[in-house]
Structures are given as C-alpha cells and as structure tokens.
Protein backbone atom coordinates (compact mmCIF):
# COMPACT_ATOMS: atom_id res chain seq x y z
CA MET A 1 84.05 103.57 110.93
CA THR A 2 81.71 105.19 109.11
CA PHE A 3 80.75 107.80 111.99
CA LEU A 4 84.55 108.78 112.33
CA ASN A 5 85.04 111.86 111.49
CA LYS A 6 89.05 112.55 109.69
CA SER A 7 91.46 114.56 112.08
CA ARG A 8 92.11 117.95 111.10
CA PHE A 9 95.29 117.83 112.53
CA HIS A 10 98.04 118.05 110.04
CA HIS A 11 102.00 118.10 109.98
CA PRO A 12 102.75 122.07 109.87
CA GLN A 13 105.41 121.51 107.28
CA LEU A 14 103.05 120.04 104.52
CA ALA A 15 104.95 120.81 100.94
CA PRO A 16 102.26 123.33 99.34
CA ASN A 17 101.98 123.02 95.62
CA ALA A 18 101.21 126.37 93.34
CA LEU A 19 97.62 126.93 94.64
CA GLY A 20 98.86 127.01 98.24
CA LEU A 21 97.11 123.97 98.34
CA THR A 22 98.66 120.36 100.99
CA ARG A 23 97.72 117.34 99.66
CA ARG A 24 95.01 116.99 102.86
CA ASP A 25 93.34 119.98 101.18
CA TYR A 26 92.56 116.87 98.15
CA GLU A 27 91.43 114.22 100.77
CA GLY A 28 88.24 113.37 101.53
CA ALA A 29 86.26 111.18 104.58
CA ILE A 30 87.61 108.12 106.02
CA SER A 31 87.87 105.15 104.24
CA THR A 32 85.29 102.49 105.22
CA LEU A 33 86.62 99.82 102.31
CA CYS A 34 88.38 96.66 103.47
CA ALA A 35 91.88 97.16 104.58
CA GLY A 36 93.95 96.90 101.60
CA CYS A 37 91.53 97.33 99.25
CA GLY A 38 93.15 98.26 96.18
CA HIS A 39 90.52 100.94 95.23
CA ASP A 40 92.28 103.02 98.07
CA SER A 41 95.91 102.66 96.34
CA ILE A 42 93.91 104.79 93.93
CA SER A 43 92.15 106.98 95.35
CA ALA A 44 95.07 107.90 97.08
CA ALA A 45 96.80 108.42 93.37
CA ILE A 46 93.92 110.38 92.06
CA ILE A 47 94.72 112.61 95.21
CA GLN A 48 98.43 112.76 93.77
CA ALA A 49 97.75 113.42 90.83
CA CYS A 50 95.42 116.57 91.29
CA PHE A 51 97.72 117.94 93.98
CA GLU A 52 100.51 117.61 91.06
CA LEU A 53 98.79 118.92 88.65
CA ASP A 54 97.04 122.30 90.78
CA LEU A 55 94.03 121.82 90.40
CA PRO A 56 91.34 123.65 92.58
CA PRO A 57 89.02 120.82 94.05
CA HIS A 58 86.37 123.05 93.63
CA ARG A 59 86.95 122.48 89.77
CA ILE A 60 86.63 119.32 89.66
CA ALA A 61 83.57 117.43 89.17
CA LYS A 62 83.47 113.74 90.40
CA LEU A 63 81.24 111.51 89.43
CA SER A 64 79.86 107.77 89.94
CA GLY A 65 77.38 104.62 90.01
CA ILE A 66 76.98 101.91 92.15
CA GLY A 67 79.60 99.75 93.73
CA CYS A 68 82.62 99.46 96.31
CA SER A 69 84.62 101.58 93.32
CA SER A 70 81.79 103.76 92.89
CA LYS A 71 81.92 104.85 97.05
CA THR A 72 85.37 105.83 96.59
CA PRO A 73 84.70 109.48 95.30
CA THR A 74 83.91 110.10 99.17
CA TYR A 75 87.07 109.71 99.65
CA PHE A 76 89.05 112.42 97.80
CA LEU A 77 88.12 115.53 96.57
CA GLY A 78 85.77 116.40 99.35
CA ALA A 79 85.81 120.03 98.16
CA ALA A 80 84.84 118.72 94.72
CA HIS A 81 81.06 118.68 93.37
CA GLY A 82 80.18 115.12 93.73
CA PHE A 83 76.77 113.00 92.25
CA ASN A 84 76.47 109.23 92.83
CA SER A 85 74.31 108.59 90.56
CA VAL A 86 72.30 105.04 89.84
CA HIS A 87 73.47 102.17 88.82
CA GLY A 88 75.66 102.18 85.64
CA ARG A 89 74.04 105.35 84.91
CA MET A 90 76.95 107.75 85.80
CA PRO A 91 78.37 108.15 81.85
CA SER A 92 74.42 109.70 80.62
CA VAL A 93 75.00 112.27 84.23
CA LEU A 94 78.53 112.95 83.41
CA THR A 95 77.55 114.05 79.52
CA GLY A 96 74.73 116.07 80.58
CA ALA A 97 76.91 117.91 83.06
CA ASN A 98 79.92 118.44 80.39
CA LEU A 99 77.69 119.74 77.91
CA ALA A 100 75.99 122.57 80.09
CA ASN A 101 79.41 123.15 82.08
CA ARG A 102 82.49 122.78 80.14
CA ASP A 103 84.82 124.71 82.37
CA LEU A 104 84.88 121.73 84.94
CA VAL A 105 87.50 118.80 85.11
CA TYR A 106 85.50 115.71 84.91
CA LEU A 107 86.43 112.67 86.57
CA GLY A 108 83.93 109.79 86.38
CA VAL A 109 84.99 106.32 88.89
CA SER A 110 83.09 102.91 88.30
CA GLY A 111 83.59 99.74 88.40
CA ASP A 112 83.74 96.56 85.91
CA GLY A 113 79.71 96.02 87.41
CA ASP A 114 79.34 98.85 87.24
CA SER A 115 80.11 100.02 83.56
CA ALA A 116 81.27 96.36 81.92
CA SER A 117 77.49 95.16 82.90
CA ILE A 118 74.55 97.42 83.45
CA GLY A 119 76.48 100.49 82.24
CA LEU A 120 77.94 98.74 79.58
CA GLY A 121 75.82 100.63 76.63
CA GLN A 122 76.49 103.95 78.72
CA PHE A 123 79.96 103.32 78.78
CA ALA A 124 80.40 102.61 74.81
CA HIS A 125 78.18 105.84 73.92
CA SER A 126 80.11 108.34 76.05
CA ILE A 127 83.54 106.45 74.60
CA ARG A 128 82.42 107.34 71.53
CA ARG A 129 80.62 110.45 71.47
CA GLY A 130 84.19 112.09 72.59
CA VAL A 131 82.91 113.49 75.84
CA ASN A 132 85.92 115.42 77.53
CA MET A 133 86.05 113.22 80.88
CA THR A 134 88.58 111.13 82.54
CA TYR A 135 86.72 107.77 82.91
CA ILE A 136 88.38 105.18 85.33
CA VAL A 137 87.34 101.82 86.14
CA GLU A 138 88.89 100.08 88.88
CA ASN A 139 88.19 96.70 88.04
CA ASN A 140 88.31 93.72 90.08
CA GLY A 141 86.19 90.73 88.17
CA VAL A 142 84.42 90.60 91.08
CA TYR A 143 80.96 91.85 92.24
CA GLY A 144 82.03 92.78 95.45
CA LEU A 145 78.71 94.37 97.08
CA THR A 146 76.72 91.30 96.70
CA LYS A 147 79.62 88.85 97.82
CA GLY A 148 81.84 87.79 95.20
CA GLN A 149 79.67 86.39 91.82
CA PHE A 150 81.83 86.87 88.58
CA SER A 151 81.34 90.02 87.02
CA ALA A 152 82.06 90.83 83.13
CA THR A 153 85.33 91.22 83.21
CA SER A 154 86.43 87.97 85.04
CA ASP A 155 88.51 85.58 82.95
CA LYS A 156 86.99 82.87 81.12
CA GLY A 157 88.50 79.82 83.59
CA SER A 158 89.28 81.95 86.60
CA LYS A 159 87.68 80.07 90.16
CA ALA A 160 85.54 81.57 92.61
CA LYS A 161 86.66 81.62 96.50
CA LYS A 162 83.93 78.65 96.48
CA GLY A 163 85.11 76.63 93.41
CA THR A 164 82.82 77.54 90.72
CA ILE A 165 84.55 78.19 87.88
CA ASN A 166 83.45 81.42 84.97
CA THR A 167 82.75 79.56 81.53
CA ASP A 168 82.24 82.83 79.89
CA GLU A 169 83.88 85.02 78.07
CA PRO A 170 85.38 88.62 79.08
CA ILE A 171 84.66 91.72 78.17
CA ASP A 172 88.13 93.47 77.80
CA MET A 173 87.09 97.21 78.00
CA VAL A 174 90.38 98.36 77.55
CA ALA A 175 89.84 96.61 73.59
CA MET A 176 86.73 97.95 73.62
CA ALA A 177 87.85 101.60 74.45
CA LEU A 178 90.39 101.39 71.57
CA GLN A 179 87.70 100.09 69.17
CA LEU A 180 84.80 102.58 70.35
CA GLY A 181 87.32 105.86 69.25
CA ALA A 182 89.32 106.69 72.90
CA THR A 183 91.59 109.07 72.38
CA PHE A 184 92.98 108.04 75.81
CA VAL A 185 93.51 104.74 76.48
CA GLY A 186 95.45 103.28 79.57
CA ARG A 187 96.12 100.34 82.39
CA SER A 188 97.53 100.10 84.87
CA PHE A 189 97.49 98.32 88.39
CA SER A 190 96.19 99.77 91.86
CA GLY A 191 100.13 97.87 92.72
CA ASP A 192 101.81 100.34 91.28
CA LYS A 193 101.86 103.67 92.16
CA ALA A 194 104.61 105.28 89.55
CA GLN A 195 102.82 103.92 87.03
CA LEU A 196 99.31 104.65 88.22
CA VAL A 197 100.04 108.62 89.07
CA PRO A 198 101.14 109.95 85.43
CA LEU A 199 98.51 108.25 84.17
CA ILE A 200 96.09 109.78 86.33
CA LYS A 201 97.66 113.35 85.51
CA ALA A 202 97.68 112.58 81.19
CA ALA A 203 94.52 111.65 81.53
CA LEU A 204 93.10 114.64 83.15
CA ARG A 205 95.48 116.75 80.89
CA HIS A 206 93.76 115.01 77.72
CA PRO A 207 91.68 117.37 75.70
CA GLY A 208 88.94 113.93 74.66
CA ALA A 209 87.29 111.07 75.80
CA ALA A 210 90.10 109.52 78.37
CA PHE A 211 89.80 105.58 79.61
CA ILE A 212 91.87 104.09 82.44
CA ASP A 213 91.37 100.38 83.38
CA CYS A 214 92.98 99.69 86.81
CA ILE A 215 92.87 96.07 87.83
CA SER A 216 92.11 96.33 91.55
CA PRO A 217 92.31 93.01 93.39
CA CYS A 218 89.26 92.81 95.63
CA VAL A 219 91.18 91.21 98.72
CA ALA A 220 87.44 90.47 100.47
CA PHE A 221 86.03 87.95 97.34
CA ASN A 222 88.46 87.83 94.78
CA ASN A 223 92.43 87.68 96.09
CA HIS A 224 92.90 83.70 95.69
CA GLU A 225 94.62 80.78 93.85
CA GLY A 226 93.06 80.68 90.59
CA SER A 227 91.35 84.29 90.66
CA THR A 228 93.04 86.26 87.92
CA LYS A 229 92.25 89.28 89.10
CA SER A 230 93.71 88.74 92.44
CA PHE A 231 97.24 90.60 93.59
CA ASP A 232 99.35 87.36 93.25
CA PHE A 233 97.75 86.39 89.67
CA VAL A 234 98.29 90.24 88.62
CA ARG A 235 101.74 90.03 89.59
CA ALA A 236 101.52 87.11 87.35
CA HIS A 237 98.03 87.08 87.08
CA ASN A 238 94.97 88.52 89.53
CA GLU A 239 91.89 86.10 91.32
CA ALA A 240 89.56 86.73 94.26
CA VAL A 241 85.70 85.62 94.79
CA ASN A 242 84.25 84.72 98.18
CA ARG A 243 81.76 85.15 101.25
CA LEU A 244 83.89 86.14 104.61
CA ASP A 245 82.67 86.53 108.30
CA VAL A 246 86.11 88.19 109.53
CA ILE A 247 87.79 90.28 107.09
CA LEU A 248 91.30 90.82 108.38
CA GLY A 249 93.60 93.45 107.57
CA ARG A 250 96.14 93.61 105.04
CA ASP A 251 99.20 95.59 103.79
CA HIS A 252 99.07 97.08 100.05
CA ILE A 253 100.68 95.02 97.40
CA GLU A 254 102.92 97.35 95.69
CA ALA A 255 105.09 96.84 92.43
CA GLU A 256 107.80 98.77 90.03
CA TYR A 257 109.26 96.85 87.37
CA GLU A 258 111.03 99.00 83.96
CA PRO A 259 108.98 99.60 80.77
CA GLY A 260 109.36 97.04 78.88
CA THR A 261 109.39 93.97 81.37
CA ALA A 262 107.33 91.34 82.78
CA ILE A 263 106.87 91.28 86.85
CA GLU A 264 104.75 88.63 88.96
CA VAL A 265 103.41 89.41 91.75
CA THR A 266 102.84 87.42 94.51
CA GLN A 267 99.35 88.11 96.18
CA HIS A 268 97.67 87.51 100.15
CA ASP A 269 96.83 84.51 99.55
CA GLY A 270 99.78 83.29 97.49
CA THR A 271 98.55 83.15 94.09
CA VAL A 272 100.45 85.33 91.48
CA LEU A 273 99.49 88.36 88.79
CA ARG A 274 101.94 88.25 85.72
CA LEU A 275 101.98 92.30 84.19
CA ARG A 276 104.05 93.67 81.49
CA LYS A 277 104.66 97.22 81.37
CA LEU A 278 104.79 98.66 77.70
CA ALA A 279 108.01 99.20 76.22
CA GLU A 280 109.67 102.49 75.16
CA GLU A 281 109.26 101.58 71.61
CA HIS A 282 105.97 101.11 71.74
CA ASP A 283 104.16 103.41 69.76
CA PRO A 284 101.18 104.87 71.81
CA THR A 285 99.54 106.76 68.65
CA ASP A 286 98.95 103.57 66.16
CA ARG A 287 95.45 102.82 67.31
CA VAL A 288 95.95 99.25 65.31
CA SER A 289 98.95 98.40 66.56
CA ALA A 290 97.96 98.63 70.33
CA MET A 291 95.00 96.44 69.72
CA ASN A 292 97.09 94.20 67.57
CA HIS A 293 99.63 94.56 70.85
CA LEU A 294 96.80 93.99 73.06
CA GLN A 295 95.52 90.40 71.66
CA GLU A 296 99.59 89.56 71.34
CA ARG A 297 100.26 89.60 74.97
CA LYS A 298 96.89 88.73 76.22
CA ALA A 299 97.65 85.00 73.73
CA ALA A 300 100.72 84.48 76.20
CA GLY A 301 98.90 85.19 79.76
CA GLU A 302 100.22 88.46 80.16
CA ILE A 303 98.40 91.88 80.96
CA VAL A 304 99.71 95.24 79.21
CA THR A 305 99.56 98.09 81.50
CA GLY A 306 101.13 101.93 80.89
CA LEU A 307 100.20 104.03 78.23
CA ILE A 308 98.62 102.04 75.14
CA PHE A 309 96.98 104.65 72.96
CA VAL A 310 96.73 108.72 72.87
CA ASP A 311 95.42 110.60 69.94
CA PRO A 312 97.95 113.46 69.63
CA GLU A 313 95.29 115.62 68.08
CA PRO A 314 92.06 115.04 69.97
CA GLU A 315 88.01 116.13 69.11
CA GLU A 316 85.74 115.97 72.05
CA LEU A 317 82.18 116.59 71.97
CA HIS A 318 81.49 120.24 71.74
CA ASP A 319 83.90 119.95 69.09
CA HIS A 320 81.51 117.87 67.17
CA LEU A 321 78.24 119.73 68.09
CA GLY A 322 79.52 123.46 67.55
CA THR A 323 78.51 124.67 71.14
CA ILE A 324 79.47 127.55 73.10
CA ALA A 325 83.01 128.25 74.43
CA GLY A 326 81.59 128.98 77.94
CA PRO A 327 79.35 127.12 80.39
CA LEU A 328 75.53 128.11 79.74
CA ASN A 329 74.94 129.19 83.44
CA ALA A 330 76.83 132.16 82.20
CA LEU A 331 74.67 133.06 79.07
CA GLY A 332 72.61 136.55 79.19
CA ASP A 333 68.78 136.66 78.22
CA ALA A 334 70.06 137.70 75.19
CA ASP A 335 71.90 134.18 74.22
CA LEU A 336 69.22 132.43 75.89
CA CYS A 337 66.02 133.81 74.00
CA PRO A 338 67.38 135.31 70.76
CA GLY A 339 63.32 135.84 69.28
CA ALA A 340 61.08 135.05 67.56
CA ALA A 341 63.55 135.59 64.35
CA ALA A 342 65.94 133.06 65.14
CA LEU A 343 63.12 130.55 66.47
CA GLU A 344 61.53 130.78 62.99
CA LYS A 345 65.10 130.48 61.00
CA VAL A 346 65.57 127.18 63.51
CA ASN A 347 62.10 125.81 62.24
CA ALA A 348 62.48 127.19 58.97
CA ALA A 349 65.72 124.71 58.96
CA LEU A 350 63.68 122.12 59.90
CA ARG A 351 61.23 121.82 57.29
C-alpha cells in the first residue's frame, strides 16, 4: 500500500463547492492504517468539513506528533501545509507557527499517547494560552504503534487483549480542556459522522482554542471484550489491546442517534460501547454545568458526546499578546527594524 499512488481519475460530475473544488481536492495519500481503523473515519470527516466550509487547502496548516493518529494528516488535505513533529511536541510547533502567521487555519491532530502522556504539558499550555486552533485527539486508549500497551486514557478496570487489567486512573482530556480554559470543547465517536462533521466545522470556525476528543477504536489492539475503548463498548463502552499476526479487513462501524438519547454500539469483537449524546436543552455556554454533567454521566457509565462547551465571546493568544493583525512574513524593513530610538525605549522599560 505504501508505494501505491491514489488514482487521479474521478467521477466527472462530482459536486464542487464555492471555490470550484471537489471533495477529491481535499483528500491525501492512500491510508496505510489497519482496515476499519476509526482514524480513517476521522480523516474522512475532516475532508468533508473542510470541503463544506469552502476552505482553500493551501490556507490550512496541519500539524501532528508521533503515533497512528499523527500519521493521518498524510491521508487528508494533500495541498495543505504540513509538519510532523516529534513525540508530544506538536502543540509547541503549532503555537510558534500560529504566532508567526495568524492568517492560516491551524489543525492539530494527535492521539491519547501523544497528548495525554509525553505531550500532556504541551497540550495543557497550548490550551490555557488560548492558541487559535482546532486540536483533535484521536483517542483509542492504547499504544497501537508499540503493539498494545495501555495509554493514559485507558479506563481503570479495562482489560487488555492478553487479559491484563489496567489499575491506573484515566486522564479525561475533555474535563482537562474545560478546566484549562478551552473556549470550545467537544467529544464525538469516529463512527458517528453525522455528529462529527458539523462538530469539526464549528471548531474550525471558532476563533480560539477548540478541542475535540474523538473516541476512535483500534481494531488491532483495543477492540475486544473488556476494553472500554472498543467499538462495542463505545456503542455501549469501548475496548482494544493485543498483538496480532494477521489483521483482517473490517467494515466501519457507524452510529446515528438523537440528542439526549443513549445508544449501545456493538463492535467487531462483540463488546459494546454505551454513548450518550447531549440533550438539546444542555446549555453549552455554562462551563461549570458542563464539567458537572461530565462527572454525572461518567458515574452512570456513559460517555458524553457532542458540543460540551463553547464560549460565545472567546479570546485567543494574539488578543492577549497584542500582536499585529497580519503575518510576520508580511512585515517590511521599517517594521522589523524600527531604529535605535525604539530599541532604547524598550531597554528603558526593562530597567
């Protein structure tokens, strides 16, 4: 698969968006992830969201770290700017790029290992600083590239494919994002495209730190009975962790259900995930209420999905720093070198 080029042929009547681009113009290379991986569904949702928003691909900057999830930017928005950083450091690279050129749309893609373990501090500071970005964590509760260890988001009591029980408390990244001051917080399921696409569209349009935790079951190592991050468990819970010699192709699991209702999703291994979609009467502008609701539903064994919180009057990092309105690469010599008098003024202020 890694050496195959995607066909340039497409249906001649593909519907274009307002830019005259078709959905194919927002795609990337052929995915080399396991067949049935929820990450591919998230990539498809990102493609659809950007297409429907009429975003010029070359005005988007996609950044990632290390892991299965961080490979996915290769599979969408092939014409966008891209940067694959080292493990856990994507938020810092994104922050620096955003400060240098605020005119781009920033999309950070990470995983539960990349953001909740080695990159936890990076994640926390980018959120609390209010970097104008869409930060998506493709959360499968397992280290897939290293063959199935528990991650920091693996639920306590969940079982690995070889039978090991996780005894550590999980990190809830949604609750953390709320506490750190994110101005847009959502959670979805890779199999619920009807919910995920508009959630991504809203996040991309949000002028502040937008965070989406997307449960994305790992079909190879975390999709068995006893796992709380499996397809079945997220449609009733979730689960997956193990080493396989042969990975069989699997169909994508999809889920559609009404706001305010719960659904049980049976996964490939027979386990069941239980999801609850936020009710329409939920007030997404009340941060404290959102935090309480998360804890209440968690105690009931349910995973809350949907738009959990949004600040109707958000501020972002450039507002806090008082930076200029344009990108730094558009500055002229007079702006970059204001002269000795300006330098003296700065030095005097620091004495």
